[in-house]
Amino acid sequence: MKEDVYLISPEKLTFKAIFDILKKNKRIRLSDVAIEKIQKCRTYLDDKIKNQDEPIYGINTGFGALYNKNISREDLGRLQENLVKSHACGTGDKVPEKIVKLMILLKIQSLSYGHSGVQLSTVQRLVDLFNEDIIPVVYEQGSLGASGDLS
């Protein structure tokens, strides 16, 4: 029997498709086009970081009020690690698992457009979490404001 898989692509994800994926517990997979777009953007970003000395907000600068603080190439990994650590907290009630699964699906869809510079392995890990029903705990109140998409 053929497995029912929904291909995530840079095309619009309709409400009908979202409902179908979640209601039928479909597995998802990145389309070849999505993979190509994600990789192309990441290559562009890597080349820009390597060949440009000007700051790129959120990549080799601080965030928010620290936007004008440049981060050396040697410290870029530590910047990303510290960013994750600084946002790894929350409080209040837990968001229901169904909603968190929807959030993961929408994040995967958003990243499939190929405009973020994210590594393909990161998006694939989100796909794996979705497909294996590994749902992280998310609290209603977190440490992010409106710019949570940066982390």
Foldseek 3Di string as FASTA:
>chain_A
DDAAEAEQALDDQDPVNLCCCLVVVHAYDYDPRLLVLQVVLLVVVVVCVVPDDDDDALQQFDDDVRRVHGHDPVCRVVRVVVVCVVFPDFDADWDDQSVQLSVLVVLLNVSSNNNQSDDPVVSVVSSVCSNVVVGDTDHPGTDDDPVVVSD
